[in-house]
Amino acid sequence: MKAKKTIKALLMTSLVLFTSIIIVSADYTHIASDDSTYMVSDTASDGYFTEDAQMLEIKAWSETKDTGESFSLTGLKSRDYKKMSEAKRALGENFILHNNGKPIETNILLEKDGNELYAVTVNNLDGVEQTSYYFAQNADDYEMDDLLREIDEGELENSKTIRKHHSNNRINSNGSNYFFDNYKFDYFAVSDNDGKKRQQGSQTTSYVFTRTPATHIGSGQKGSIWDVFTDSQMLSRSNGVLLDHKTRLDAGYTNQALHSWGPKDSGGSTTKVSLGGLIAINDWEFELNGFSVDDLSVKSSKYGRWHFKPRVFKPTRMNTQPGIRATNTKGRFGVKMSQTARISTPYANSNHSTGVVSVFAPDL
């Protein structure tokens, strides 16, 4: 099936469990139950991930601390949200949720700053399920071919990241205590010279959530302990350089507390993160590659925050790996993520931001 072909999703009435017949035709896989029908593309395009992934067109995506992940299909008059578990039963292990190149309505962007969500993918690699979110700031609608190419490139990088974390034992196939999410942002700017819009940079961040369940966390309380490891790469485009970068991990939801974070201030060639307290220390190092880091974290406000600044030369890329340790005593564990960057190219000097994105993992 051609990538640009319109992909329809039709739900006739409220969805029930996907326990009925699957009929495969040349162009579509129909998953039917007694009172509902999904229509999804059988294959998306020729590529690393999209050639095998099912595709489903949606109009809205929702995540909350209380209810988890859900989505709303296109072609419906009412806003009737379906659980992610239903999509997994219908579509299998690898699939793409999209709005045919247009933005997907979502509540995970607590502050948008010009960003829109264009796709959500689920990809199972080496026994680990990862969910990836594809955003763009100040962008136009995507041609589906371009969006799928972006997803293929992103999933290829994600596969390298997840295998790297497998090799250093940061994650394993025990999915109940490991959760892996990826967030990709493309940044665009309008030229000061000719008024044309060009891509100025991109940023990909992987989040590894590691959970130690049901343990005593003080004051007679029992709860879960979460280590959040981030692996973020910022790239300039169009012959640009990076002038400034800030990142923040905010655990400031009810029933949560921040216990440890890192890195601390550093002007050396490497810096160390050491998450301690409550359980064994979890530590790692990463190279600063010409940047210094200022620790701006505030424990009482439940956030870790860091400012990365180039020392002498202005680099074209940077990699950072900050992290936090937090506790949760009720419901899903949540983190509010935000990052900013200043990028200079021959045609524009611009500030970019992810906005504030809510990230949740199943817990108590």
Protein backbone atom coordinates (compact mmCIF):
# COMPACT_ATOMS: atom_id res chain seq x y z
CA MET A 1 0.00 0.00 0.00
CA LYS A 2 1.29 3.47 -0.85
CA ALA A 3 2.33 5.59 2.13
CA LYS A 4 0.30 8.62 0.99
CA LYS A 5 -2.92 6.66 0.68
CA THR A 6 -5.54 7.84 3.18
CA ILE A 7 -5.71 5.44 6.13
CA LYS A 8 -9.14 5.25 7.73
CA ALA A 9 -10.19 4.14 11.18
CA LEU A 10 -13.88 3.48 11.73
CA LEU A 11 -15.51 2.54 15.00
CA MET A 12 -19.25 1.93 14.67
CA THR A 13 -20.10 1.76 18.38
CA SER A 14 -18.25 1.43 21.66
CA LEU A 15 -15.29 -0.92 21.44
CA VAL A 16 -15.28 -4.32 23.12
CA LEU A 17 -12.44 -6.77 23.54
CA PHE A 18 -10.72 -7.83 20.31
CA THR A 19 -11.72 -11.49 20.46
CA SER A 20 -13.20 -11.91 16.99
CA ILE A 21 -12.13 -12.77 13.48
CA ILE A 22 -9.15 -11.25 11.64
CA ILE A 23 -9.56 -11.03 7.86
CA VAL A 24 -6.54 -10.09 5.74
CA SER A 25 -7.05 -8.52 2.32
CA ALA A 26 -4.57 -7.07 -0.16
CA ASP A 27 -4.68 -3.54 1.25
CA TYR A 28 -6.03 -3.75 4.77
CA THR A 29 -6.19 -5.89 7.86
CA HIS A 30 -9.69 -5.74 9.33
CA ILE A 31 -10.05 -6.50 12.99
CA ALA A 32 -13.70 -7.04 13.70
CA SER A 33 -15.75 -7.70 16.79
CA ASP A 34 -19.48 -7.99 17.21
CA ASP A 35 -20.03 -4.23 17.14
CA SER A 36 -16.79 -2.61 16.04
CA THR A 37 -14.36 -2.48 13.14
CA TYR A 38 -10.84 -1.11 12.82
CA MET A 39 -9.31 -0.55 9.42
CA VAL A 40 -5.54 -0.23 9.42
CA SER A 41 -2.85 -0.39 6.76
CA ASP A 42 -1.30 -3.82 6.32
CA THR A 43 2.19 -2.35 5.81
CA ALA A 44 3.31 1.24 5.97
CA SER A 45 6.30 1.69 3.66
CA ASP A 46 9.67 0.23 2.74
CA GLY A 47 11.94 0.92 5.69
CA TYR A 48 13.54 -0.29 8.87
CA PHE A 49 10.48 -0.13 11.14
CA THR A 50 7.56 1.08 9.06
CA GLU A 51 7.69 -1.76 6.54
CA ASP A 52 6.32 -4.16 9.17
CA ALA A 53 4.40 -1.84 11.50
CA GLN A 54 0.62 -1.56 11.35
CA MET A 55 -0.72 1.99 11.09
CA LEU A 56 -3.83 3.44 12.67
CA GLU A 57 -5.15 6.98 12.19
CA ILE A 58 -6.17 8.74 15.41
CA LYS A 59 -7.22 12.29 16.23
CA ALA A 60 -6.29 12.54 19.92
CA TRP A 61 -3.87 11.02 22.44
CA SER A 62 -4.25 11.23 26.23
CA GLU A 63 -2.16 10.29 29.25
CA THR A 64 -2.96 11.05 32.89
CA LYS A 65 -1.52 9.97 36.22
CA ASP A 66 -4.79 8.21 37.10
CA THR A 67 -6.02 6.64 33.84
CA GLY A 68 -2.93 5.89 31.76
CA GLU A 69 -2.69 5.96 27.96
CA SER A 70 -5.71 6.25 25.67
CA PHE A 71 -6.58 7.55 22.20
CA SER A 72 -9.54 8.72 20.12
CA LEU A 73 -10.10 7.51 16.57
CA THR A 74 -10.76 9.65 13.52
CA GLY A 75 -14.14 9.38 11.81
CA LEU A 76 -16.15 9.52 15.03
CA LYS A 77 -18.56 12.31 16.01
CA SER A 78 -18.02 11.78 19.73
CA ARG A 79 -14.73 11.88 21.63
CA ASP A 80 -14.68 8.28 22.80
CA TYR A 81 -11.27 7.31 24.17
CA LYS A 82 -9.94 3.75 23.85
CA LYS A 83 -7.34 2.12 26.07
CA MET A 84 -3.87 1.47 24.68
CA SER A 85 -4.25 -2.18 25.64
CA GLU A 86 -7.02 -2.49 23.04
CA ALA A 87 -4.73 -1.20 20.30
CA LYS A 88 -2.03 -3.68 21.31
CA ARG A 89 -4.45 -6.59 21.10
CA ALA A 90 -5.66 -5.42 17.71
CA LEU A 91 -2.43 -4.29 16.07
CA GLY A 92 0.24 -6.52 17.55
CA GLU A 93 3.68 -5.63 18.89
CA ASN A 94 4.73 -2.91 16.44
CA PHE A 95 2.46 -0.11 15.25
CA ILE A 96 2.19 3.60 14.41
CA LEU A 97 -0.57 5.94 15.54
CA HIS A 98 -0.81 9.09 13.41
CA ASN A 99 -3.19 11.74 12.05
CA ASN A 100 -2.21 11.50 8.38
CA GLY A 101 0.55 14.12 8.74
CA LYS A 102 -1.50 16.56 10.81
CA PRO A 103 -1.05 17.30 14.53
CA ILE A 104 -2.61 14.90 17.03
CA GLU A 105 -4.55 16.56 19.82
CA THR A 106 -2.93 15.70 23.15
CA ASN A 107 -2.87 16.58 26.84
CA ILE A 108 0.73 15.45 27.46
CA LEU A 109 2.02 18.86 26.37
CA LEU A 110 1.36 20.82 29.56
CA GLU A 111 3.05 23.79 27.89
CA LYS A 112 3.25 23.60 24.09
CA ASP A 113 5.73 26.36 23.11
CA GLY A 114 4.77 25.81 19.48
CA ASN A 115 5.19 22.01 19.57
CA GLU A 116 2.72 19.52 18.11
CA LEU A 117 2.54 15.72 18.35
CA TYR A 118 2.57 13.97 14.95
CA ALA A 119 2.97 10.27 15.75
CA VAL A 120 3.15 7.71 18.55
CA THR A 121 4.86 4.37 17.89
CA VAL A 122 5.13 1.13 19.84
CA ASN A 123 8.16 -1.00 19.02
CA ASN A 124 9.23 -4.23 20.73
CA LEU A 125 12.99 -4.83 20.65
CA ASP A 126 14.93 -7.53 22.49
CA GLY A 127 12.02 -8.23 24.80
CA VAL A 128 11.55 -4.57 25.78
CA GLU A 129 8.55 -2.53 24.67
CA GLN A 130 9.31 1.10 23.92
CA THR A 131 6.88 3.90 23.14
CA SER A 132 8.15 6.80 21.03
CA TYR A 133 6.62 10.24 20.50
CA TYR A 134 7.37 12.39 17.45
CA PHE A 135 7.00 16.15 17.89
CA ALA A 136 7.87 19.21 15.81
CA GLN A 137 8.05 22.88 16.79
CA ASN A 138 6.73 25.59 14.44
CA ALA A 139 6.36 23.01 11.67
CA ASP A 140 3.93 22.63 8.80
CA ASP A 141 1.86 19.49 8.24
CA TYR A 142 3.93 16.48 7.17
CA GLU A 143 3.62 14.52 3.96
CA MET A 144 3.14 10.93 5.12
CA ASP A 145 6.27 9.80 3.25
CA ASP A 146 8.32 12.39 5.16
CA LEU A 147 6.76 11.45 8.50
CA LEU A 148 7.40 7.74 7.93
CA ARG A 149 11.00 8.46 6.93
CA GLU A 150 11.39 10.45 10.16
CA ILE A 151 9.99 7.52 12.14
CA ASP A 152 12.31 5.03 10.42
CA GLU A 153 15.33 7.15 11.29
CA GLY A 154 14.11 7.59 14.86
CA GLU A 155 13.40 3.91 15.44
CA LEU A 156 16.82 2.97 14.08
CA GLU A 157 18.48 5.26 16.64
CA ASN A 158 16.15 3.98 19.37
CA SER A 159 17.19 0.39 18.61
CA LYS A 160 20.85 1.36 19.07
CA THR A 161 20.03 3.05 22.36
CA ILE A 162 18.04 0.17 23.78
CA ARG A 163 20.75 -2.35 22.88
CA LYS A 164 23.36 -0.12 24.49
CA HIS A 165 21.35 -0.13 27.72
CA HIS A 166 20.92 -3.91 27.44
CA SER A 167 24.69 -4.32 27.21
CA ASN A 168 25.36 -2.25 30.34
CA ASN A 169 22.52 -3.95 32.25
CA ARG A 170 20.56 -0.72 32.65
CA ILE A 171 17.50 -2.57 31.34
CA ASN A 172 16.55 -6.20 30.82
CA SER A 173 13.54 -8.16 29.65
CA ASN A 174 11.77 -7.94 33.02
CA GLY A 175 9.22 -5.47 31.74
CA SER A 176 7.35 -5.06 35.02
CA ASN A 177 10.09 -2.90 36.52
CA TYR A 178 11.61 -1.29 33.43
CA PHE A 179 9.88 1.25 31.21
CA PHE A 180 11.44 2.81 28.14
CA ASP A 181 10.11 5.91 26.31
CA ASN A 182 11.60 8.05 23.52
CA TYR A 183 10.79 11.65 22.59
CA LYS A 184 11.88 13.22 19.30
CA PHE A 185 11.60 16.97 18.63
CA ASP A 186 12.39 18.77 15.37
CA TYR A 187 13.03 22.51 15.60
CA PHE A 188 12.33 24.94 12.76
CA ALA A 189 13.12 28.65 12.34
CA VAL A 190 12.31 31.33 9.78
CA SER A 191 15.32 32.89 8.06
CA ASP A 192 16.10 36.54 8.81
CA ASN A 193 17.30 36.86 5.22
CA ASP A 194 14.73 35.28 2.89
CA GLY A 195 11.80 34.45 5.18
CA LYS A 196 12.00 30.70 4.45
CA LYS A 197 11.41 28.12 7.17
CA ARG A 198 14.24 25.64 7.69
CA GLN A 199 15.05 22.96 10.22
CA GLN A 200 17.49 24.41 12.71
CA GLY A 201 17.98 21.46 15.04
CA SER A 202 16.63 18.24 16.49
CA GLN A 203 16.60 16.55 19.85
CA THR A 204 16.01 12.93 20.87
CA THR A 205 15.68 11.87 24.49
CA SER A 206 15.28 8.33 25.82
CA TYR A 207 13.94 7.80 29.33
CA VAL A 208 14.68 4.61 31.25
CA PHE A 209 12.41 4.25 34.30
CA THR A 210 13.67 1.66 36.81
CA ARG A 211 11.31 0.68 39.60
CA THR A 212 11.98 -0.86 43.00
CA PRO A 213 8.47 -1.80 44.19
CA ALA A 214 6.74 -1.85 47.58
CA THR A 215 9.50 -0.92 49.99
CA HIS A 216 9.68 1.18 53.16
CA ILE A 217 10.57 4.77 52.26
CA GLY A 218 10.46 6.36 55.73
CA SER A 219 7.91 7.60 58.28
CA GLY A 220 6.17 4.23 58.23
CA GLN A 221 5.27 4.63 54.56
CA LYS A 222 5.58 2.03 51.82
CA GLY A 223 6.01 3.01 48.21
CA SER A 224 7.97 2.54 45.02
CA ILE A 225 11.43 3.94 44.37
CA TRP A 226 12.09 5.17 40.84
CA ASP A 227 15.39 5.93 39.14
CA VAL A 228 14.94 7.99 35.97
CA PHE A 229 17.89 7.82 33.58
CA THR A 230 17.84 10.12 30.55
CA ASP A 231 19.94 9.84 27.40
CA SER A 232 19.54 12.98 25.31
CA GLN A 233 21.17 14.04 22.05
CA MET A 234 20.90 17.57 20.69
CA LEU A 235 21.93 18.25 17.07
CA SER A 236 22.21 21.53 15.20
CA ARG A 237 21.26 21.61 11.51
CA SER A 238 21.94 23.94 8.57
CA ASN A 239 25.58 24.61 9.57
CA GLY A 240 24.50 25.65 13.05
CA VAL A 241 26.10 25.56 16.50
CA LEU A 242 24.68 25.05 20.00
CA LEU A 243 24.94 28.07 22.29
CA ASP A 244 23.04 26.92 25.36
CA HIS A 245 21.03 23.96 26.72
CA LYS A 246 18.91 23.44 29.83
CA THR A 247 17.07 20.33 30.96
CA ARG A 248 14.64 19.69 33.81
CA LEU A 249 13.10 16.56 35.39
CA ASP A 250 10.21 17.47 37.70
CA ALA A 251 8.72 14.83 40.03
CA GLY A 252 6.32 17.35 41.57
CA TYR A 253 3.12 15.30 41.49
CA THR A 254 1.09 14.52 44.62
CA ASN A 255 2.37 11.51 46.61
CA GLN A 256 5.86 11.81 45.10
CA ALA A 257 9.16 13.08 46.54
CA LEU A 258 12.61 13.80 45.10
CA HIS A 259 15.48 12.10 46.95
CA SER A 260 18.57 12.35 44.76
CA TRP A 261 19.74 13.77 41.44
CA GLY A 262 22.80 14.34 39.30
CA PRO A 263 25.10 15.55 37.93
CA LYS A 264 26.38 18.26 40.23
CA ASP A 265 28.36 21.29 39.05
CA SER A 266 31.24 20.31 36.77
CA GLY A 267 33.69 21.96 34.42
CA GLY A 268 35.75 18.88 33.64
CA SER A 269 35.77 16.63 30.62
CA THR A 270 33.35 14.17 32.27
CA THR A 271 30.74 14.36 35.00
CA LYS A 272 29.22 11.76 37.30
CA VAL A 273 25.65 11.02 38.35
CA SER A 274 25.24 9.23 41.68
CA LEU A 275 21.67 8.47 42.79
CA GLY A 276 21.73 7.43 46.45
CA GLY A 277 19.46 6.92 49.41
CA LEU A 278 16.85 4.28 50.32
CA ILE A 279 18.45 1.55 48.14
CA ALA A 280 21.85 0.85 46.60
CA ILE A 281 23.61 3.66 44.76
CA ASN A 282 23.00 3.87 41.03
CA ASP A 283 25.78 5.79 39.30
CA TRP A 284 27.17 6.48 35.84
CA GLU A 285 29.44 8.95 34.03
CA PHE A 286 29.11 10.80 30.75
CA GLU A 287 31.39 13.04 28.71
CA LEU A 288 30.68 16.76 28.57
CA ASN A 289 32.41 17.26 25.20
CA GLY A 290 33.26 20.92 25.61
CA PHE A 291 30.37 21.87 27.90
CA SER A 292 30.27 22.77 31.57
CA VAL A 293 27.25 21.98 33.72
CA ASP A 294 25.61 24.01 36.50
CA ASP A 295 23.32 22.15 38.90
CA LEU A 296 20.15 24.22 39.45
CA SER A 297 18.10 21.48 41.17
CA VAL A 298 15.78 22.19 44.13
CA LYS A 299 14.90 19.21 46.33
CA SER A 300 12.01 20.92 48.15
CA SER A 301 10.39 21.73 44.80
CA LYS A 302 10.95 18.14 43.61
CA TYR A 303 12.91 18.88 40.44
CA GLY A 304 16.34 18.31 38.99
CA ARG A 305 17.52 21.03 36.61
CA TRP A 306 20.80 21.53 34.78
CA HIS A 307 22.36 24.23 32.60
CA PHE A 308 24.91 23.09 29.99
CA LYS A 309 27.12 25.82 28.52
CA PRO A 310 29.90 25.58 25.89
CA ARG A 311 33.28 26.46 27.43
CA VAL A 312 35.39 27.56 24.44
CA PHE A 313 34.28 26.13 21.12
CA LYS A 314 30.65 26.12 20.08
CA PRO A 315 29.79 22.49 19.27
CA THR A 316 27.33 21.20 16.70
CA ARG A 317 26.01 18.41 18.94
CA MET A 318 25.85 17.40 22.56
CA ASN A 319 24.88 14.36 24.63
CA THR A 320 23.67 14.53 28.22
CA GLN A 321 22.60 11.89 30.76
CA PRO A 322 21.14 13.52 33.89
CA GLY A 323 18.93 11.54 36.25
CA ILE A 324 16.82 11.60 39.40
CA ARG A 325 15.69 9.21 42.16
CA ALA A 326 12.15 9.76 43.44
CA THR A 327 9.48 7.90 45.41
CA ASN A 328 5.79 7.36 44.78
CA THR A 329 3.12 6.17 47.23
CA LYS A 330 -0.03 6.17 45.10
CA GLY A 331 -1.09 5.75 41.46
CA ARG A 332 1.14 6.03 38.40
CA PHE A 333 4.59 7.57 38.69
CA GLY A 334 4.89 10.83 36.78
CA VAL A 335 7.65 13.18 35.63
CA LYS A 336 7.30 16.53 33.87
CA MET A 337 10.11 16.87 31.34
CA SER A 338 11.30 20.08 29.71
CA GLN A 339 14.38 21.09 27.72
CA THR A 340 15.47 24.29 26.01
CA ALA A 341 18.22 25.11 23.52
CA ARG A 342 19.62 28.14 21.77
CA ILE A 343 20.86 27.38 18.25
CA SER A 344 22.73 29.70 15.90
CA THR A 345 22.71 29.16 12.14
CA PRO A 346 23.82 31.45 9.29
CA TYR A 347 20.20 32.52 8.81
CA ALA A 348 18.84 32.80 12.38
CA ASN A 349 19.65 32.71 16.10
CA SER A 350 16.68 31.08 17.83
CA ASN A 351 15.54 29.73 21.17
CA HIS A 352 13.80 26.36 21.11
CA SER A 353 11.91 24.37 23.71
CA THR A 354 10.20 21.03 24.15
CA GLY A 355 7.54 22.75 26.19
CA VAL A 356 6.58 20.76 29.29
CA VAL A 357 5.78 17.12 28.58
CA SER A 358 4.18 14.77 31.11
CA VAL A 359 5.66 11.26 31.24
CA PHE A 360 3.94 8.46 33.20
CA ALA A 361 4.77 4.87 34.13
CA PRO A 362 2.43 2.25 35.68
CA ASP A 363 2.95 1.81 39.40
CA LEU A 364 0.78 1.43 42.50
